[in-house]
């Protein structure tokens, strides 16, 4: 469905709604551009809205079916730009992604949204309050959209970092429980986050390159600033990924250490039980000719030897901190 559509001239909205093709023809005749926003259109809806703009079939297929990586392509003067939107459910530590598929031409920009992600209502309101920037045309709108989405990347990175730090604190908190499962699930969400943001670097680099003439020179510095924000978000995500890998290794090492401690304790208790068991086994064989078998103090001597042996082992294990 159409979320919003309008004709802009001299950086000001002059006409709302109407037939998209007619608006584009007016923009070509009198200057300005058309900004159309669509949300998860079907093939029929997309054809009805922008069918007369003659988009490339491959671009139309991508716009309707979604599931695209961030990328930039050109189809006969039309710039096709895909950016991933990211949403983080902190209560479930779960990343979900959506897509913004942008068709950018000299006199129009069509943005198709799929899935969850940053709402663009505030983007339109914000850029409409800056008519001097909006006069730069559709690429100014594309920058505003990309900048809004990348700002959300930074916010999500901060939320992810809080979860990573909290998990790291648990791992090194001295508890005997393991957190490998939590680390794995958080690492999986972080990987999905990285898959959403890192491929966007190359499309933005192309937009700001000197060889790409479609981007107005006045807009390129703004894209460079946005690219810098994206690179910082990617570095932040990479650092968190490394930190989670280290935390997972540390958690596994703690498990191994605790297992070694348990084995030492078990071995110590077995050793403590070995002496009395050996003596009891010998004197339980019921032979007639055994030392101290008929001696008056034999029983007490055996108990003394067993007790002394056990206490000696207990002292040794305590000293070595096995028990």
C-alpha atoms as a PDB file:
ATOM      1  CA  UNK A   1       0.000   0.000   0.000  1.00  0.00           C
ATOM      2  CA  UNK A   2       1.022   3.657  -0.439  1.00  0.00           C
ATOM      3  CA  UNK A   3       2.216   5.157   2.824  1.00  0.00           C
ATOM      4  CA  UNK A   4       2.703   8.655   1.419  1.00  0.00           C
ATOM      5  CA  UNK A   5       3.382  10.350  -1.886  1.00  0.00           C
ATOM      6  CA  UNK A   6       4.065  13.958  -2.727  1.00  0.00           C
ATOM      7  CA  UNK A   7       5.561  16.320  -5.278  1.00  0.00           C
ATOM      8  CA  UNK A   8       8.353  18.599  -4.083  1.00  0.00           C
ATOM      9  CA  UNK A   9       9.506  21.746  -5.829  1.00  0.00           C
ATOM     10  CA  UNK A  10      12.237  24.059  -4.543  1.00  0.00           C
ATOM     11  CA  UNK A  11      12.441  21.905  -1.434  1.00  0.00           C
ATOM     12  CA  UNK A  12       8.768  22.356  -0.540  1.00  0.00           C
ATOM     13  CA  UNK A  13       5.864  19.905  -0.738  1.00  0.00           C
ATOM     14  CA  UNK A  14       3.454  21.323  -3.286  1.00  0.00           C
ATOM     15  CA  UNK A  15       1.099  18.468  -4.067  1.00  0.00           C
ATOM     16  CA  UNK A  16      -0.044  15.362  -2.175  1.00  0.00           C
ATOM     17  CA  UNK A  17      -1.178  12.075  -3.662  1.00  0.00           C
ATOM     18  CA  UNK A  18      -2.559  11.620  -7.125  1.00  0.00           C
ATOM     19  CA  UNK A  19      -1.373   9.499 -10.011  1.00  0.00           C
ATOM     20  CA  UNK A  20       2.344   8.793  -9.646  1.00  0.00           C
ATOM     21  CA  UNK A  21       3.079   9.003 -13.364  1.00  0.00           C
ATOM     22  CA  UNK A  22       1.329  12.377 -13.635  1.00  0.00           C
ATOM     23  CA  UNK A  23       3.286  13.701 -10.676  1.00  0.00           C
ATOM     24  CA  UNK A  24       6.553  12.556 -12.237  1.00  0.00           C
ATOM     25  CA  UNK A  25       5.613  14.191 -15.564  1.00  0.00           C
ATOM     26  CA  UNK A  26       4.894  17.436 -13.727  1.00  0.00           C
ATOM     27  CA  UNK A  27       8.233  17.200 -11.941  1.00  0.00           C
ATOM     28  CA  UNK A  28      10.011  16.752 -15.273  1.00  0.00           C
ATOM     29  CA  UNK A  29       8.165  19.713 -16.787  1.00  0.00           C
ATOM     30  CA  UNK A  30       8.286  22.197 -13.916  1.00  0.00           C
ATOM     31  CA  UNK A  31      11.224  20.933 -11.869  1.00  0.00           C
ATOM     32  CA  UNK A  32      11.269  19.124  -8.566  1.00  0.00           C
ATOM     33  CA  UNK A  33      10.806  15.464  -7.757  1.00  0.00           C
ATOM     34  CA  UNK A  34       8.266  12.963  -6.435  1.00  0.00           C
ATOM     35  CA  UNK A  35       8.744  10.977  -3.229  1.00  0.00           C
ATOM     36  CA  UNK A  36       6.644   7.801  -2.927  1.00  0.00           C
ATOM     37  CA  UNK A  37       6.607   5.476   0.049  1.00  0.00           C
ATOM     38  CA  UNK A  38       5.210   1.936  -0.201  1.00  0.00           C
ATOM     39  CA  UNK A  39       4.854  -0.733   2.454  1.00  0.00           C
ATOM     40  CA  UNK A  40       5.091  -4.417   1.489  1.00  0.00           C
ATOM     41  CA  UNK A  41       3.219  -4.109  -1.822  1.00  0.00           C
ATOM     42  CA  UNK A  42       2.032  -7.081  -3.796  1.00  0.00           C
ATOM     43  CA  UNK A  43       3.004  -7.417  -7.452  1.00  0.00           C
ATOM     44  CA  UNK A  44      -0.342  -5.958  -8.564  1.00  0.00           C
ATOM     45  CA  UNK A  45      -0.095  -3.033  -6.130  1.00  0.00           C
ATOM     46  CA  UNK A  46       3.436  -2.258  -7.211  1.00  0.00           C
ATOM     47  CA  UNK A  47       2.532  -2.385 -10.903  1.00  0.00           C
ATOM     48  CA  UNK A  48      -0.487  -0.161 -10.296  1.00  0.00           C
ATOM     49  CA  UNK A  49       1.523   2.474  -8.427  1.00  0.00           C
ATOM     50  CA  UNK A  50       4.712   2.678 -10.448  1.00  0.00           C
ATOM     51  CA  UNK A  51       3.976   0.544 -13.492  1.00  0.00           C
ATOM     52  CA  UNK A  52       4.299   3.466 -15.910  1.00  0.00           C
ATOM     53  CA  UNK A  53       7.770   4.369 -14.633  1.00  0.00           C
ATOM     54  CA  UNK A  54       9.170   1.345 -16.496  1.00  0.00           C
ATOM     55  CA  UNK A  55      11.451  -0.087 -13.827  1.00  0.00           C
ATOM     56  CA  UNK A  56      13.788  -2.888 -14.818  1.00  0.00           C
ATOM     57  CA  UNK A  57      12.094  -6.304 -14.315  1.00  0.00           C
ATOM     58  CA  UNK A  58      14.880  -7.528 -12.044  1.00  0.00           C
ATOM     59  CA  UNK A  59      14.536  -4.451  -9.844  1.00  0.00           C
ATOM     60  CA  UNK A  60      10.775  -4.921  -9.657  1.00  0.00           C
ATOM     61  CA  UNK A  61      11.190  -8.576  -8.699  1.00  0.00           C
ATOM     62  CA  UNK A  62      13.615  -7.618  -5.917  1.00  0.00           C
ATOM     63  CA  UNK A  63      11.267  -4.922  -4.643  1.00  0.00           C
ATOM     64  CA  UNK A  64       8.282  -7.253  -4.395  1.00  0.00           C
ATOM     65  CA  UNK A  65      10.012 -10.368  -3.083  1.00  0.00           C
ATOM     66  CA  UNK A  66      12.532  -8.640  -0.784  1.00  0.00           C
ATOM     67  CA  UNK A  67      15.160 -10.858   0.925  1.00  0.00           C
ATOM     68  CA  UNK A  68      17.978  -8.803  -0.605  1.00  0.00           C
ATOM     69  CA  UNK A  69      21.430  -7.965   0.661  1.00  0.00           C
ATOM     70  CA  UNK A  70      22.364  -4.278   0.965  1.00  0.00           C
ATOM     71  CA  UNK A  71      23.526  -3.275  -2.490  1.00  0.00           C
ATOM     72  CA  UNK A  72      23.521  -0.606  -5.169  1.00  0.00           C
ATOM     73  CA  UNK A  73      22.874  -1.220  -8.854  1.00  0.00           C
ATOM     74  CA  UNK A  74      22.161   0.916 -11.899  1.00  0.00           C
ATOM     75  CA  UNK A  75      19.518   0.229 -14.506  1.00  0.00           C
ATOM     76  CA  UNK A  76      19.759   2.753 -17.341  1.00  0.00           C
ATOM     77  CA  UNK A  77      20.143   5.831 -15.160  1.00  0.00           C
ATOM     78  CA  UNK A  78      17.953   4.462 -12.362  1.00  0.00           C
ATOM     79  CA  UNK A  79      19.774   3.817  -9.084  1.00  0.00           C
ATOM     80  CA  UNK A  80      18.558   0.760  -7.212  1.00  0.00           C
ATOM     81  CA  UNK A  81      19.612   0.888  -3.558  1.00  0.00           C
ATOM     82  CA  UNK A  82      18.856  -1.665  -0.809  1.00  0.00           C
ATOM     83  CA  UNK A  83      19.411  -1.031   2.891  1.00  0.00           C
ATOM     84  CA  UNK A  84      18.584  -3.331   5.804  1.00  0.00           C
ATOM     85  CA  UNK A  85      16.596  -2.078   8.762  1.00  0.00           C
ATOM     86  CA  UNK A  86      17.323  -3.694  12.108  1.00  0.00           C
ATOM     87  CA  UNK A  87      15.105  -4.055  15.168  1.00  0.00           C
ATOM     88  CA  UNK A  88      16.287  -5.404  18.523  1.00  0.00           C
ATOM     89  CA  UNK A  89      13.934  -6.972  21.062  1.00  0.00           C
ATOM     90  CA  UNK A  90      15.944  -6.525  24.254  1.00  0.00           C
ATOM     91  CA  UNK A  91      13.641  -8.643  26.427  1.00  0.00           C
ATOM     92  CA  UNK A  92      14.299 -11.657  24.191  1.00  0.00           C
ATOM     93  CA  UNK A  93      17.762 -10.559  22.947  1.00  0.00           C
ATOM     94  CA  UNK A  94      16.484 -11.098  19.419  1.00  0.00           C
ATOM     95  CA  UNK A  95      17.393  -9.321  16.184  1.00  0.00           C
ATOM     96  CA  UNK A  96      14.836  -8.961  13.409  1.00  0.00           C
ATOM     97  CA  UNK A  97      15.504  -7.280  10.102  1.00  0.00           C
ATOM     98  CA  UNK A  98      13.559  -5.570   7.383  1.00  0.00           C
ATOM     99  CA  UNK A  99      14.436  -3.933   4.094  1.00  0.00           C
ATOM    100  CA  UNK A 100      14.176  -0.562   2.439  1.00  0.00           C
ATOM    101  CA  UNK A 101      14.358  -0.820  -1.339  1.00  0.00           C
ATOM    102  CA  UNK A 102      14.915   2.525  -3.016  1.00  0.00           C
ATOM    103  CA  UNK A 103      14.493   3.490  -6.668  1.00  0.00           C
ATOM    104  CA  UNK A 104      16.242   6.802  -7.256  1.00  0.00           C
ATOM    105  CA  UNK A 105      16.045   8.874 -10.411  1.00  0.00           C
ATOM    106  CA  UNK A 106      16.518  12.542 -11.215  1.00  0.00           C
ATOM    107  CA  UNK A 107      12.820  13.320 -10.727  1.00  0.00           C
ATOM    108  CA  UNK A 108      11.585  10.690  -8.287  1.00  0.00           C
ATOM    109  CA  UNK A 109      12.440   8.384  -5.422  1.00  0.00           C
ATOM    110  CA  UNK A 110      10.317   5.344  -4.613  1.00  0.00           C
ATOM    111  CA  UNK A 111      10.962   3.617  -1.295  1.00  0.00           C
ATOM    112  CA  UNK A 112       9.505   0.165  -0.645  1.00  0.00           C
ATOM    113  CA  UNK A 113       9.571  -1.068   2.933  1.00  0.00           C
ATOM    114  CA  UNK A 114       9.457  -4.715   4.009  1.00  0.00           C
ATOM    115  CA  UNK A 115       9.380  -6.083   7.551  1.00  0.00           C
ATOM    116  CA  UNK A 116      10.154  -4.348  10.803  1.00  0.00           C
ATOM    117  CA  UNK A 117      12.557  -1.493  11.146  1.00  0.00           C
ATOM    118  CA  UNK A 118      12.882   2.217  11.531  1.00  0.00           C
ATOM    119  CA  UNK A 119       9.701   4.111  10.650  1.00  0.00           C
ATOM    120  CA  UNK A 120      10.253   6.737   7.977  1.00  0.00           C
ATOM    121  CA  UNK A 121       7.482   9.122   9.032  1.00  0.00           C
ATOM    122  CA  UNK A 122       9.923  11.132  11.103  1.00  0.00           C
ATOM    123  CA  UNK A 123      12.408  11.180   8.219  1.00  0.00           C
ATOM    124  CA  UNK A 124       9.927  12.871   5.917  1.00  0.00           C
ATOM    125  CA  UNK A 125       8.972  15.402   8.577  1.00  0.00           C
ATOM    126  CA  UNK A 126      12.610  16.113   9.450  1.00  0.00           C
ATOM    127  CA  UNK A 127      13.788  16.664   5.909  1.00  0.00           C
ATOM    128  CA  UNK A 128      10.734  18.739   5.026  1.00  0.00           C
ATOM    129  CA  UNK A 129      11.853  21.118   7.756  1.00  0.00           C
ATOM    130  CA  UNK A 130      15.136  21.584   5.806  1.00  0.00           C
ATOM    131  CA  UNK A 131      13.975  22.787   2.384  1.00  0.00           C
ATOM    132  CA  UNK A 132      17.458  24.033   1.484  1.00  0.00           C
ATOM    133  CA  UNK A 133      18.724  20.440   1.711  1.00  0.00           C
ATOM    134  CA  UNK A 134      15.629  18.979   0.060  1.00  0.00           C
ATOM    135  CA  UNK A 135      16.349  21.101  -3.020  1.00  0.00           C
ATOM    136  CA  UNK A 136      19.212  18.676  -3.748  1.00  0.00           C
ATOM    137  CA  UNK A 137      16.592  16.205  -4.940  1.00  0.00           C
ATOM    138  CA  UNK A 138      16.004  12.470  -4.474  1.00  0.00           C
ATOM    139  CA  UNK A 139      19.558  11.742  -3.308  1.00  0.00           C
ATOM    140  CA  UNK A 140      19.002  14.110  -0.392  1.00  0.00           C
ATOM    141  CA  UNK A 141      16.025  11.948   0.575  1.00  0.00           C
ATOM    142  CA  UNK A 142      18.125   8.812   0.154  1.00  0.00           C
ATOM    143  CA  UNK A 143      20.742  10.260   2.491  1.00  0.00           C
ATOM    144  CA  UNK A 144      18.119  11.168   5.101  1.00  0.00           C
ATOM    145  CA  UNK A 145      16.734   7.615   4.995  1.00  0.00           C
ATOM    146  CA  UNK A 146      20.172   5.979   5.175  1.00  0.00           C
ATOM    147  CA  UNK A 147      21.255   8.317   7.966  1.00  0.00           C
ATOM    148  CA  UNK A 148      18.141   7.501  10.011  1.00  0.00           C
ATOM    149  CA  UNK A 149      18.632   3.746   9.601  1.00  0.00           C
ATOM    150  CA  UNK A 150      22.352   3.881  10.403  1.00  0.00           C
ATOM    151  CA  UNK A 151      21.631   5.938  13.528  1.00  0.00           C
ATOM    152  CA  UNK A 152      19.363   3.082  14.599  1.00  0.00           C
ATOM    153  CA  UNK A 153      22.310   0.714  14.052  1.00  0.00           C
ATOM    154  CA  UNK A 154      24.295   2.702  16.602  1.00  0.00           C
ATOM    155  CA  UNK A 155      21.435   2.568  19.122  1.00  0.00           C
ATOM    156  CA  UNK A 156      21.069  -1.182  18.673  1.00  0.00           C
ATOM    157  CA  UNK A 157      24.828  -1.624  19.043  1.00  0.00           C
ATOM    158  CA  UNK A 158      24.612   0.106  22.442  1.00  0.00           C
ATOM    159  CA  UNK A 159      21.817  -2.254  23.529  1.00  0.00           C
ATOM    160  CA  UNK A 160      23.764  -5.271  22.321  1.00  0.00           C
ATOM    161  CA  UNK A 161      26.836  -4.048  24.167  1.00  0.00           C
ATOM    162  CA  UNK A 162      24.857  -3.873  27.417  1.00  0.00           C
ATOM    163  CA  UNK A 163      23.850  -7.514  26.967  1.00  0.00           C
ATOM    164  CA  UNK A 164      27.404  -8.533  26.089  1.00  0.00           C
ATOM    165  CA  UNK A 165      28.832  -6.784  29.164  1.00  0.00           C
ATOM    166  CA  UNK A 166      26.156  -8.321  31.403  1.00  0.00           C
ATOM    167  CA  UNK A 167      26.935 -11.773  30.036  1.00  0.00           C
ATOM    168  CA  UNK A 168      30.663 -11.228  30.448  1.00  0.00           C
ATOM    169  CA  UNK A 169      30.079 -10.249  34.082  1.00  0.00           C
ATOM    170  CA  UNK A 170      28.174 -13.494  34.636  1.00  0.00           C
ATOM    171  CA  UNK A 171      30.955 -15.568  33.096  1.00  0.00           C
ATOM    172  CA  UNK A 172      33.601 -14.053  35.363  1.00  0.00           C
ATOM    173  CA  UNK A 173      31.323 -13.781  38.393  1.00  0.00           C
ATOM    174  CA  UNK A 174      32.613 -16.970  40.007  1.00  0.00           C
ATOM    175  CA  UNK A 175      29.364 -18.926  39.669  1.00  0.00           C
ATOM    176  CA  UNK A 176      29.613 -22.637  39.003  1.00  0.00           C
ATOM    177  CA  UNK A 177      26.946 -22.587  36.315  1.00  0.00           C
ATOM    178  CA  UNK A 178      27.726 -22.358  32.609  1.00  0.00           C
ATOM    179  CA  UNK A 179      26.519 -19.615  30.259  1.00  0.00           C
ATOM    180  CA  UNK A 180      27.568 -21.181  26.958  1.00  0.00           C
ATOM    181  CA  UNK A 181      24.011 -21.365  25.655  1.00  0.00           C
ATOM    182  CA  UNK A 182      23.309 -17.695  26.375  1.00  0.00           C
ATOM    183  CA  UNK A 183      26.603 -16.694  24.755  1.00  0.00           C
ATOM    184  CA  UNK A 184      25.827 -18.772  21.688  1.00  0.00           C
ATOM    185  CA  UNK A 185      22.357 -17.269  21.205  1.00  0.00           C
ATOM    186  CA  UNK A 186      23.622 -13.710  21.679  1.00  0.00           C
ATOM    187  CA  UNK A 187      26.497 -14.374  19.294  1.00  0.00           C
ATOM    188  CA  UNK A 188      24.039 -15.682  16.711  1.00  0.00           C
ATOM    189  CA  UNK A 189      21.977 -12.478  16.969  1.00  0.00           C
ATOM    190  CA  UNK A 190      25.136 -10.406  16.702  1.00  0.00           C
ATOM    191  CA  UNK A 191      26.121 -12.257  13.530  1.00  0.00           C
ATOM    192  CA  UNK A 192      22.703 -11.511  12.040  1.00  0.00           C
ATOM    193  CA  UNK A 193      23.198  -7.855  12.985  1.00  0.00           C
ATOM    194  CA  UNK A 194      26.595  -7.816  11.268  1.00  0.00           C
ATOM    195  CA  UNK A 195      25.145  -9.452   8.160  1.00  0.00           C
ATOM    196  CA  UNK A 196      22.613  -6.622   7.988  1.00  0.00           C
ATOM    197  CA  UNK A 197      25.008  -3.699   8.363  1.00  0.00           C
ATOM    198  CA  UNK A 198      28.425  -4.689   6.990  1.00  0.00           C
ATOM    199  CA  UNK A 199      27.421  -5.256   3.325  1.00  0.00           C
ATOM    200  CA  UNK A 200      26.118  -1.659   3.278  1.00  0.00           C
ATOM    201  CA  UNK A 201      29.667  -0.292   3.364  1.00  0.00           C
ATOM    202  CA  UNK A 202      30.370  -0.912  -0.325  1.00  0.00           C
ATOM    203  CA  UNK A 203      27.137   0.710  -1.629  1.00  0.00           C
ATOM    204  CA  UNK A 204      27.796   3.829   0.451  1.00  0.00           C
ATOM    205  CA  UNK A 205      31.398   3.953  -0.698  1.00  0.00           C
ATOM    206  CA  UNK A 206      30.158   3.879  -4.277  1.00  0.00           C
ATOM    207  CA  UNK A 207      27.754   6.745  -3.615  1.00  0.00           C
ATOM    208  CA  UNK A 208      30.567   8.983  -2.328  1.00  0.00           C
ATOM    209  CA  UNK A 209      33.185   7.940  -4.890  1.00  0.00           C
ATOM    210  CA  UNK A 210      34.391  10.528  -7.389  1.00  0.00           C
ATOM    211  CA  UNK A 211      33.488   8.245 -10.289  1.00  0.00           C
ATOM    212  CA  UNK A 212      29.805   8.057  -9.339  1.00  0.00           C
ATOM    213  CA  UNK A 213      28.245  11.077 -11.007  1.00  0.00           C
ATOM    214  CA  UNK A 214      24.603  10.459 -10.063  1.00  0.00           C
ATOM    215  CA  UNK A 215      25.123  11.674  -6.484  1.00  0.00           C
ATOM    216  CA  UNK A 216      25.064  15.507  -6.324  1.00  0.00           C
ATOM    217  CA  UNK A 217      28.377  16.931  -5.146  1.00  0.00           C
ATOM    218  CA  UNK A 218      26.579  18.902  -2.429  1.00  0.00           C
ATOM    219  CA  UNK A 219      25.184  15.662  -0.949  1.00  0.00           C
ATOM    220  CA  UNK A 220      28.382  13.586  -1.045  1.00  0.00           C
ATOM    221  CA  UNK A 221      29.865  15.106   2.157  1.00  0.00           C
ATOM    222  CA  UNK A 222      26.715  14.068   4.030  1.00  0.00           C
ATOM    223  CA  UNK A 223      27.013  10.523   2.686  1.00  0.00           C
ATOM    224  CA  UNK A 224      30.670  10.486   3.778  1.00  0.00           C
ATOM    225  CA  UNK A 225      29.621  11.390   7.305  1.00  0.00           C
ATOM    226  CA  UNK A 226      26.978   8.650   7.242  1.00  0.00           C
ATOM    227  CA  UNK A 227      29.570   6.193   5.934  1.00  0.00           C
ATOM    228  CA  UNK A 228      31.828   7.100   8.845  1.00  0.00           C
ATOM    229  CA  UNK A 229      28.979   6.326  11.289  1.00  0.00           C
ATOM    230  CA  UNK A 230      28.412   3.002   9.561  1.00  0.00           C
ATOM    231  CA  UNK A 231      32.092   2.062   9.750  1.00  0.00           C
ATOM    232  CA  UNK A 232      32.120   2.822  13.469  1.00  0.00           C
ATOM    233  CA  UNK A 233      29.034   0.642  13.939  1.00  0.00           C
ATOM    234  CA  UNK A 234      30.738  -2.189  12.013  1.00  0.00           C
ATOM    235  CA  UNK A 235      33.898  -1.887  14.117  1.00  0.00           C
ATOM    236  CA  UNK A 236      31.777  -1.862  17.262  1.00  0.00           C
ATOM    237  CA  UNK A 237      29.967  -5.014  16.159  1.00  0.00           C
ATOM    238  CA  UNK A 238      33.243  -6.724  15.277  1.00  0.00           C
ATOM    239  CA  UNK A 239      34.642  -5.879  18.715  1.00  0.00           C
ATOM    240  CA  UNK A 240      31.568  -7.284  20.458  1.00  0.00           C
ATOM    241  CA  UNK A 241      31.799 -10.442  18.370  1.00  0.00           C
ATOM    242  CA  UNK A 242      35.424 -10.919  19.432  1.00  0.00           C
ATOM    243  CA  UNK A 243      34.474 -10.252  23.045  1.00  0.00           C
ATOM    244  CA  UNK A 244      31.731 -12.881  22.924  1.00  0.00           C
ATOM    245  CA  UNK A 245      34.153 -15.394  21.401  1.00  0.00           C
ATOM    246  CA  UNK A 246      36.591 -14.728  24.238  1.00  0.00           C
ATOM    247  CA  UNK A 247      33.800 -15.009  26.796  1.00  0.00           C
ATOM    248  CA  UNK A 248      32.728 -18.345  25.293  1.00  0.00           C
ATOM    249  CA  UNK A 249      36.299 -19.662  25.468  1.00  0.00           C
ATOM    250  CA  UNK A 250      36.603 -18.428  29.052  1.00  0.00           C
ATOM    251  CA  UNK A 251      33.307 -20.085  29.975  1.00  0.00           C
ATOM    252  CA  UNK A 252      34.461 -23.391  28.487  1.00  0.00           C
ATOM    253  CA  UNK A 253      37.795 -23.033  30.305  1.00  0.00           C
ATOM    254  CA  UNK A 254      35.937 -22.431  33.582  1.00  0.00           C
ATOM    255  CA  UNK A 255      33.928 -25.589  32.964  1.00  0.00           C
ATOM    256  CA  UNK A 256      37.122 -27.572  32.448  1.00  0.00           C
ATOM    257  CA  UNK A 257      38.706 -26.088  35.575  1.00  0.00           C
ATOM    258  CA  UNK A 258      35.632 -26.910  37.638  1.00  0.00           C
ATOM    259  CA  UNK A 259      35.636 -30.455  36.253  1.00  0.00           C
ATOM    260  CA  UNK A 260      39.293 -30.818  37.216  1.00  0.00           C
ATOM    261  CA  UNK A 261      38.483 -29.573  40.714  1.00  0.00           C
ATOM    262  CA  UNK A 262      35.652 -32.075  40.992  1.00  0.00           C
ATOM    263  CA  UNK A 263      37.916 -34.899  39.800  1.00  0.00           C
ATOM    264  CA  UNK A 264      40.557 -33.933  42.400  1.00  0.00           C
ATOM    265  CA  UNK A 265      37.954 -33.914  45.166  1.00  0.00           C
ATOM    266  CA  UNK A 266      36.602 -37.271  44.100  1.00  0.00           C
ATOM    267  CA  UNK A 267      40.137 -38.661  43.928  1.00  0.00           C
ATOM    268  CA  UNK A 268      40.897 -37.294  47.397  1.00  0.00           C
ATOM    269  CA  UNK A 269      37.798 -38.897  48.923  1.00  0.00           C
ATOM    270  CA  UNK A 270      38.605 -42.189  47.181  1.00  0.00           C
ATOM    271  CA  UNK A 271      42.130 -42.051  48.628  1.00  0.00           C
ATOM    272  CA  UNK A 272      40.714 -41.377  52.095  1.00  0.00           C
ATOM    273  CA  UNK A 273      38.483 -44.399  51.802  1.00  0.00           C
ATOM    274  CA  UNK A 274      41.240 -46.633  50.359  1.00  0.00           C
ATOM    275  CA  UNK A 275      43.184 -47.086  53.621  1.00  0.00           C
ATOM    276  CA  UNK A 276      40.284 -48.260  55.821  1.00  0.00           C
ATOM    277  CA  UNK A 277      38.960 -50.366  52.944  1.00  0.00           C
ATOM    278  CA  UNK A 278      42.320 -52.100  52.495  1.00  0.00           C
ATOM    279  CA  UNK A 279      42.687 -52.874  56.211  1.00  0.00           C
ATOM    280  CA  UNK A 280      39.093 -54.033  56.499  1.00  0.00           C
ATOM    281  CA  UNK A 281      39.558 -56.226  53.436  1.00  0.00           C
ATOM    282  CA  UNK A 282      42.679 -57.877  54.848  1.00  0.00           C
ATOM    283  CA  UNK A 283      41.159 -58.606  58.239  1.00  0.00           C
ATOM    284  CA  UNK A 284      37.963 -59.775  56.671  1.00  0.00           C
ATOM    285  CA  UNK A 285      39.622 -62.757  54.965  1.00  0.00           C
ATOM    286  CA  UNK A 286      39.146 -64.970  58.080  1.00  0.00           C
ATOM    287  CA  UNK A 287      42.521 -66.764  57.992  1.00  0.00           C
ATOM    288  CA  UNK A 288      43.506 -68.480  61.241  1.00  0.00           C
ATOM    289  CA  UNK A 289      47.147 -67.411  61.260  1.00  0.00           C
ATOM    290  CA  UNK A 290      46.960 -63.635  61.049  1.00  0.00           C
ATOM    291  CA  UNK A 291      49.038 -61.139  63.096  1.00  0.00           C
ATOM    292  CA  UNK A 292      47.233 -59.573  66.033  1.00  0.00           C
ATOM    293  CA  UNK A 293      44.142 -61.679  65.303  1.00  0.00           C
ATOM    294  CA  UNK A 294      43.995 -63.015  68.848  1.00  0.00           C
ATOM    295  CA  UNK A 295      45.933 -60.189  70.459  1.00  0.00           C
ATOM    296  CA  UNK A 296      44.052 -58.279  73.117  1.00  0.00           C
ATOM    297  CA  UNK A 297      44.942 -54.843  71.710  1.00  0.00           C
ATOM    298  CA  UNK A 298      44.918 -55.730  68.014  1.00  0.00           C
ATOM    299  CA  UNK A 299      41.537 -54.112  67.308  1.00  0.00           C
ATOM    300  CA  UNK A 300      42.550 -50.826  68.882  1.00  0.00           C
ATOM    301  CA  UNK A 301      45.875 -50.850  67.034  1.00  0.00           C
ATOM    302  CA  UNK A 302      44.156 -51.314  63.688  1.00  0.00           C
ATOM    303  CA  UNK A 303      41.711 -48.446  64.425  1.00  0.00           C
ATOM    304  CA  UNK A 304      44.619 -46.225  65.437  1.00  0.00           C
ATOM    305  CA  UNK A 305      46.543 -47.000  62.258  1.00  0.00           C
ATOM    306  CA  UNK A 306      43.456 -46.430  60.062  1.00  0.00           C
ATOM    307  CA  UNK A 307      42.582 -43.162  61.821  1.00  0.00           C
ATOM    308  CA  UNK A 308      46.154 -41.869  61.687  1.00  0.00           C
ATOM    309  CA  UNK A 309      46.441 -42.754  57.997  1.00  0.00           C
ATOM    310  CA  UNK A 310      43.110 -41.097  57.128  1.00  0.00           C
ATOM    311  CA  UNK A 311      43.853 -37.943  59.149  1.00  0.00           C
ATOM    312  CA  UNK A 312      47.278 -37.691  57.506  1.00  0.00           C
ATOM    313  CA  UNK A 313      45.754 -37.869  54.036  1.00  0.00           C
ATOM    314  CA  UNK A 314      43.048 -35.390  55.011  1.00  0.00           C
ATOM    315  CA  UNK A 315      45.675 -32.918  56.241  1.00  0.00           C
ATOM    316  CA  UNK A 316      47.681 -33.342  53.042  1.00  0.00           C
ATOM    317  CA  UNK A 317      44.672 -32.809  50.776  1.00  0.00           C
ATOM    318  CA  UNK A 318      43.555 -29.750  52.747  1.00  0.00           C
ATOM    319  CA  UNK A 319      47.050 -28.295  52.551  1.00  0.00           C
ATOM    320  CA  UNK A 320      47.120 -28.801  48.766  1.00  0.00           C
ATOM    321  CA  UNK A 321      43.547 -27.417  48.563  1.00  0.00           C
ATOM    322  CA  UNK A 322      42.166 -30.578  47.017  1.00  0.00           C
ATOM    323  CA  UNK A 323      39.385 -30.546  49.591  1.00  0.00           C
END
